[in-house]
Amino acid sequence: MKYSITKFTIALFLCSLSSIALTNNTPKTNNETECQIEVAFEYAVENLRVQFNNASMGDYNQLQWDFGDQVQSEEINPTHEYSKEGMYRFCVTATNSLTDCSKQYCAEVYVFE
């Protein structure tokens, strides 16, 4: 009898957890806006130097470039010179600080001497 009470208690506890998780997972209301940002860019490589051109669209007010070599920039169209030849993974992030909306896109670039 002790085993069936424990089994029943565990089942009741798990059922209670499930309903809490479901009630806390509320969908977005109609007042919340979707993230209206499309991140896009172009770049041109000349040896170790890369000219990045932002082509992002949408409702953003901040731009952050991470060049993949521990250097970052908030310029719209930055030029970055890498210190040595190689493949680098860079990312650009467009953010709307008012709505806390952010989109990021990453790619790889090969620079050479």
N, C-alpha and C. Protein backbone atom coordinates (compact mmCIF):
# COMPACT_ATOMS: atom_id res chain seq x y z
N MET A 1 0.81 -1.19 0.00
CA MET A 1 0.00 0.00 0.00
C MET A 1 0.86 1.26 0.00
N LYS A 2 1.99 1.23 0.69
CA LYS A 2 2.87 2.38 0.74
C LYS A 2 3.39 2.70 -0.66
N TYR A 3 3.67 1.69 -1.46
CA TYR A 3 4.17 1.88 -2.82
C TYR A 3 3.15 2.57 -3.71
N SER A 4 1.88 2.19 -3.63
CA SER A 4 0.87 2.82 -4.47
C SER A 4 0.59 4.27 -4.05
N ILE A 5 0.73 4.60 -2.78
CA ILE A 5 0.57 5.99 -2.35
C ILE A 5 1.72 6.83 -2.92
N THR A 6 2.92 6.32 -2.86
CA THR A 6 4.08 7.03 -3.40
C THR A 6 3.95 7.22 -4.90
N LYS A 7 3.51 6.17 -5.58
CA LYS A 7 3.33 6.24 -7.02
C LYS A 7 2.25 7.28 -7.37
N PHE A 8 1.16 7.28 -6.63
CA PHE A 8 0.09 8.24 -6.85
C PHE A 8 0.58 9.67 -6.57
N THR A 9 1.34 9.84 -5.51
CA THR A 9 1.87 11.16 -5.15
C THR A 9 2.79 11.68 -6.24
N ILE A 10 3.64 10.83 -6.77
CA ILE A 10 4.55 11.23 -7.85
C ILE A 10 3.75 11.62 -9.09
N ALA A 11 2.74 10.83 -9.44
CA ALA A 11 1.92 11.14 -10.61
C ALA A 11 1.20 12.47 -10.43
N LEU A 12 0.67 12.73 -9.24
CA LEU A 12 -0.01 13.98 -8.96
C LEU A 12 0.98 15.15 -9.02
N PHE A 13 2.18 14.97 -8.50
CA PHE A 13 3.21 16.00 -8.53
C PHE A 13 3.59 16.33 -9.97
N LEU A 14 3.81 15.32 -10.81
CA LEU A 14 4.16 15.55 -12.21
C LEU A 14 3.05 16.24 -12.96
N CYS A 15 1.82 15.87 -12.67
CA CYS A 15 0.67 16.51 -13.31
C CYS A 15 0.59 17.98 -12.92
N SER A 16 0.88 18.29 -11.65
CA SER A 16 0.88 19.68 -11.18
C SER A 16 1.97 20.49 -11.88
N LEU A 17 3.15 19.90 -12.03
CA LEU A 17 4.25 20.59 -12.72
C LEU A 17 3.88 20.90 -14.16
N SER A 18 3.23 19.96 -14.83
CA SER A 18 2.85 20.17 -16.23
C SER A 18 1.89 21.34 -16.37
N SER A 19 0.93 21.45 -15.50
CA SER A 19 -0.04 22.54 -15.62
C SER A 19 0.60 23.89 -15.31
N ILE A 20 1.57 23.92 -14.39
CA ILE A 20 2.28 25.16 -14.11
C ILE A 20 3.08 25.59 -15.33
N ALA A 21 3.78 24.67 -15.95
CA ALA A 21 4.57 25.00 -17.13
C ALA A 21 3.68 25.49 -18.26
N LEU A 22 2.52 24.89 -18.43
CA LEU A 22 1.63 25.31 -19.50
C LEU A 22 1.03 26.68 -19.23
N THR A 23 0.68 26.97 -17.99
CA THR A 23 0.07 28.26 -17.71
C THR A 23 1.09 29.39 -17.75
N ASN A 24 2.36 29.10 -17.48
CA ASN A 24 3.38 30.13 -17.54
C ASN A 24 3.87 30.39 -18.97
N ASN A 25 3.55 29.53 -19.89
CA ASN A 25 3.98 29.67 -21.28
C ASN A 25 2.88 30.38 -22.06
N THR A 26 2.71 31.68 -21.81
CA THR A 26 1.64 32.42 -22.46
C THR A 26 2.09 32.94 -23.81
N PRO A 27 1.23 32.92 -24.81
CA PRO A 27 1.59 33.43 -26.13
C PRO A 27 1.66 34.95 -26.14
N LYS A 28 2.30 35.51 -27.18
CA LYS A 28 2.38 36.96 -27.32
C LYS A 28 0.99 37.55 -27.50
N THR A 29 0.81 38.71 -26.92
CA THR A 29 -0.46 39.41 -27.11
C THR A 29 -0.38 40.21 -28.41
N ASN A 30 -1.49 40.72 -28.86
CA ASN A 30 -1.53 41.51 -30.09
C ASN A 30 -0.77 42.83 -29.96
N ASN A 31 -0.52 43.30 -28.73
CA ASN A 31 0.19 44.57 -28.54
C ASN A 31 1.68 44.45 -28.76
N GLU A 32 2.23 43.25 -28.66
CA GLU A 32 3.67 43.07 -28.85
C GLU A 32 3.97 43.03 -30.34
N THR A 33 5.05 43.70 -30.73
CA THR A 33 5.42 43.75 -32.14
C THR A 33 6.45 42.67 -32.45
N GLU A 34 6.42 42.20 -33.67
CA GLU A 34 7.42 41.26 -34.14
C GLU A 34 8.72 42.00 -34.39
N CYS A 35 9.79 41.30 -34.41
CA CYS A 35 11.09 41.88 -34.69
C CYS A 35 11.19 42.15 -36.19
N GLN A 36 11.13 43.40 -36.57
CA GLN A 36 11.09 43.81 -37.98
C GLN A 36 12.49 44.24 -38.45
N ILE A 37 13.44 43.32 -38.42
CA ILE A 37 14.81 43.60 -38.84
C ILE A 37 15.28 42.49 -39.78
N GLU A 38 15.89 42.88 -40.88
CA GLU A 38 16.54 41.94 -41.79
C GLU A 38 18.00 42.35 -41.90
N VAL A 39 18.90 41.50 -41.44
CA VAL A 39 20.33 41.80 -41.47
C VAL A 39 20.90 41.37 -42.81
N ALA A 40 21.60 42.30 -43.45
CA ALA A 40 22.24 42.01 -44.73
C ALA A 40 23.50 42.86 -44.86
N PHE A 41 24.44 42.41 -45.67
CA PHE A 41 25.70 43.13 -45.83
C PHE A 41 26.38 42.68 -47.11
N GLU A 42 27.38 43.44 -47.50
CA GLU A 42 28.30 43.09 -48.58
C GLU A 42 29.70 43.34 -48.04
N TYR A 43 30.68 42.68 -48.64
CA TYR A 43 32.05 42.98 -48.24
C TYR A 43 32.99 42.76 -49.42
N ALA A 44 34.10 43.49 -49.38
CA ALA A 44 35.12 43.38 -50.41
C ALA A 44 36.46 43.17 -49.72
N VAL A 45 37.20 42.16 -50.18
CA VAL A 45 38.48 41.81 -49.58
C VAL A 45 39.61 42.33 -50.45
N GLU A 46 40.56 43.00 -49.82
CA GLU A 46 41.78 43.41 -50.50
C GLU A 46 42.94 43.06 -49.57
N ASN A 47 43.54 41.90 -49.83
CA ASN A 47 44.59 41.34 -48.98
C ASN A 47 44.07 41.15 -47.56
N LEU A 48 44.65 41.84 -46.56
CA LEU A 48 44.21 41.68 -45.17
C LEU A 48 43.10 42.65 -44.79
N ARG A 49 42.76 43.54 -45.69
CA ARG A 49 41.76 44.58 -45.41
C ARG A 49 40.41 44.18 -46.01
N VAL A 50 39.36 44.41 -45.22
CA VAL A 50 38.00 44.09 -45.67
C VAL A 50 37.12 45.33 -45.47
N GLN A 51 36.43 45.71 -46.52
CA GLN A 51 35.44 46.79 -46.44
C GLN A 51 34.07 46.14 -46.29
N PHE A 52 33.43 46.35 -45.15
CA PHE A 52 32.10 45.83 -44.87
C PHE A 52 31.08 46.92 -45.15
N ASN A 53 30.01 46.58 -45.86
CA ASN A 53 28.94 47.54 -46.17
C ASN A 53 27.62 47.00 -45.65
N ASN A 54 27.02 47.75 -44.76
CA ASN A 54 25.74 47.35 -44.19
C ASN A 54 24.62 47.53 -45.22
N ALA A 55 23.79 46.53 -45.35
CA ALA A 55 22.62 46.60 -46.23
C ALA A 55 21.37 46.15 -45.47
N SER A 56 21.43 46.23 -44.14
CA SER A 56 20.31 45.78 -43.30
C SER A 56 19.12 46.71 -43.47
N MET A 57 17.94 46.13 -43.28
CA MET A 57 16.69 46.90 -43.40
C MET A 57 15.84 46.65 -42.17
N GLY A 58 14.97 47.60 -41.90
CA GLY A 58 14.03 47.41 -40.80
C GLY A 58 14.18 48.44 -39.71
N ASP A 59 13.58 48.13 -38.59
CA ASP A 59 13.47 49.06 -37.47
C ASP A 59 14.56 48.78 -36.44
N TYR A 60 15.79 49.27 -36.70
CA TYR A 60 16.89 49.11 -35.76
C TYR A 60 17.59 50.45 -35.57
N ASN A 61 18.23 50.62 -34.41
CA ASN A 61 18.93 51.87 -34.14
C ASN A 61 20.36 51.66 -33.66
N GLN A 62 20.82 50.42 -33.63
CA GLN A 62 22.20 50.11 -33.27
C GLN A 62 22.72 49.00 -34.17
N LEU A 63 24.00 49.10 -34.50
CA LEU A 63 24.64 48.08 -35.33
C LEU A 63 25.97 47.71 -34.67
N GLN A 64 26.23 46.42 -34.58
CA GLN A 64 27.47 45.94 -33.95
C GLN A 64 28.13 44.92 -34.87
N TRP A 65 29.36 45.17 -35.23
CA TRP A 65 30.15 44.24 -36.02
C TRP A 65 31.15 43.55 -35.10
N ASP A 66 31.28 42.24 -35.23
CA ASP A 66 32.31 41.47 -34.55
C ASP A 66 33.12 40.80 -35.65
N PHE A 67 34.38 41.18 -35.79
CA PHE A 67 35.19 40.75 -36.92
C PHE A 67 35.82 39.37 -36.76
N GLY A 68 35.63 38.73 -35.61
CA GLY A 68 36.12 37.38 -35.41
C GLY A 68 37.56 37.30 -34.94
N ASP A 69 38.16 38.46 -34.67
CA ASP A 69 39.53 38.48 -34.15
C ASP A 69 39.61 39.31 -32.87
N GLN A 70 38.54 39.31 -32.12
CA GLN A 70 38.38 40.03 -30.86
C GLN A 70 38.34 41.55 -31.04
N VAL A 71 38.02 42.01 -32.25
CA VAL A 71 37.83 43.43 -32.52
C VAL A 71 36.37 43.64 -32.92
N GLN A 72 35.77 44.71 -32.41
CA GLN A 72 34.38 45.03 -32.72
C GLN A 72 34.27 46.48 -33.16
N SER A 73 33.16 46.80 -33.82
CA SER A 73 32.92 48.16 -34.28
C SER A 73 31.43 48.44 -34.29
N GLU A 74 31.07 49.68 -34.05
CA GLU A 74 29.68 50.12 -34.15
C GLU A 74 29.47 51.02 -35.37
N GLU A 75 30.48 51.11 -36.23
CA GLU A 75 30.34 51.89 -37.46
C GLU A 75 29.33 51.23 -38.38
N ILE A 76 28.71 52.02 -39.23
CA ILE A 76 27.73 51.49 -40.17
C ILE A 76 28.42 50.68 -41.26
N ASN A 77 29.47 51.23 -41.85
CA ASN A 77 30.22 50.58 -42.94
C ASN A 77 31.71 50.57 -42.60
N PRO A 78 32.12 49.68 -41.71
CA PRO A 78 33.51 49.72 -41.26
C PRO A 78 34.49 49.07 -42.25
N THR A 79 35.74 49.52 -42.16
CA THR A 79 36.85 48.85 -42.82
C THR A 79 37.69 48.25 -41.72
N HIS A 80 38.05 46.98 -41.89
CA HIS A 80 38.83 46.30 -40.86
C HIS A 80 40.04 45.63 -41.50
N GLU A 81 41.19 45.79 -40.86
CA GLU A 81 42.40 45.13 -41.34
C GLU A 81 42.79 44.05 -40.33
N TYR A 82 42.85 42.82 -40.82
CA TYR A 82 43.24 41.69 -39.98
C TYR A 82 44.76 41.65 -39.87
N SER A 83 45.26 41.10 -38.78
CA SER A 83 46.70 41.09 -38.53
C SER A 83 47.43 39.97 -39.27
N LYS A 84 46.71 38.89 -39.63
CA LYS A 84 47.37 37.81 -40.35
C LYS A 84 46.38 37.07 -41.25
N GLU A 85 46.92 36.37 -42.19
CA GLU A 85 46.12 35.61 -43.16
C GLU A 85 45.31 34.53 -42.45
N GLY A 86 44.12 34.27 -42.96
CA GLY A 86 43.32 33.18 -42.40
C GLY A 86 41.84 33.36 -42.66
N MET A 87 41.08 32.40 -42.16
CA MET A 87 39.63 32.41 -42.25
C MET A 87 39.09 32.96 -40.93
N TYR A 88 38.19 33.92 -41.04
CA TYR A 88 37.60 34.56 -39.86
C TYR A 88 36.08 34.49 -39.96
N ARG A 89 35.46 34.21 -38.82
CA ARG A 89 33.99 34.22 -38.73
C ARG A 89 33.58 35.56 -38.16
N PHE A 90 32.88 36.36 -38.94
CA PHE A 90 32.42 37.66 -38.48
C PHE A 90 30.91 37.66 -38.35
N CYS A 91 30.41 38.56 -37.51
CA CYS A 91 28.97 38.66 -37.27
C CYS A 91 28.57 40.13 -37.27
N VAL A 92 27.37 40.40 -37.74
CA VAL A 92 26.79 41.73 -37.64
C VAL A 92 25.44 41.57 -36.93
N THR A 93 25.21 42.45 -35.95
CA THR A 93 23.98 42.41 -35.16
C THR A 93 23.29 43.76 -35.26
N ALA A 94 22.04 43.75 -35.65
CA ALA A 94 21.21 44.95 -35.70
C ALA A 94 20.22 44.86 -34.54
N THR A 95 20.11 45.95 -33.78
CA THR A 95 19.30 45.95 -32.57
C THR A 95 18.40 47.19 -32.52
N ASN A 96 17.18 46.98 -32.06
CA ASN A 96 16.31 48.09 -31.71
C ASN A 96 16.29 48.13 -30.19
N SER A 97 16.97 49.13 -29.61
CA SER A 97 17.09 49.20 -28.16
C SER A 97 15.77 49.55 -27.47
N LEU A 98 14.83 50.12 -28.19
CA LEU A 98 13.54 50.48 -27.60
C LEU A 98 12.63 49.27 -27.42
N THR A 99 12.69 48.34 -28.36
CA THR A 99 11.83 47.15 -28.29
C THR A 99 12.59 45.91 -27.83
N ASP A 100 13.90 46.05 -27.61
CA ASP A 100 14.76 44.94 -27.20
C ASP A 100 14.74 43.82 -28.25
N CYS A 101 14.63 44.23 -29.50
CA CYS A 101 14.61 43.30 -30.62
C CYS A 101 16.00 43.28 -31.25
N SER A 102 16.48 42.11 -31.62
CA SER A 102 17.82 42.00 -32.16
C SER A 102 17.89 40.84 -33.15
N LYS A 103 18.60 41.05 -34.25
CA LYS A 103 18.85 39.97 -35.23
C LYS A 103 20.33 39.97 -35.55
N GLN A 104 20.88 38.79 -35.75
CA GLN A 104 22.30 38.64 -36.05
C GLN A 104 22.49 37.73 -37.24
N TYR A 105 23.53 38.02 -38.03
CA TYR A 105 23.92 37.14 -39.11
C TYR A 105 25.43 37.01 -39.10
N CYS A 106 25.93 35.80 -39.26
CA CYS A 106 27.36 35.53 -39.25
C CYS A 106 27.78 34.86 -40.56
N ALA A 107 29.01 35.10 -40.95
CA ALA A 107 29.57 34.49 -42.16
C ALA A 107 31.08 34.38 -41.98
N GLU A 108 31.73 33.79 -42.95
CA GLU A 108 33.17 33.65 -42.90
C GLU A 108 33.81 34.42 -44.04
N VAL A 109 35.00 34.95 -43.76
CA VAL A 109 35.75 35.67 -44.78
C VAL A 109 37.20 35.17 -44.70
N TYR A 110 37.79 34.99 -45.87
CA TYR A 110 39.20 34.59 -45.94
C TYR A 110 40.01 35.78 -46.39
N VAL A 111 41.03 36.14 -45.59
CA VAL A 111 41.93 37.24 -45.97
C VAL A 111 43.32 36.66 -46.19
N PHE A 112 44.10 37.33 -47.01
CA PHE A 112 45.40 36.80 -47.41
C PHE A 112 46.40 37.94 -47.57
N GLU A 113 47.68 37.59 -47.54
CA GLU A 113 48.73 38.60 -47.72
C GLU A 113 49.18 38.65 -49.15
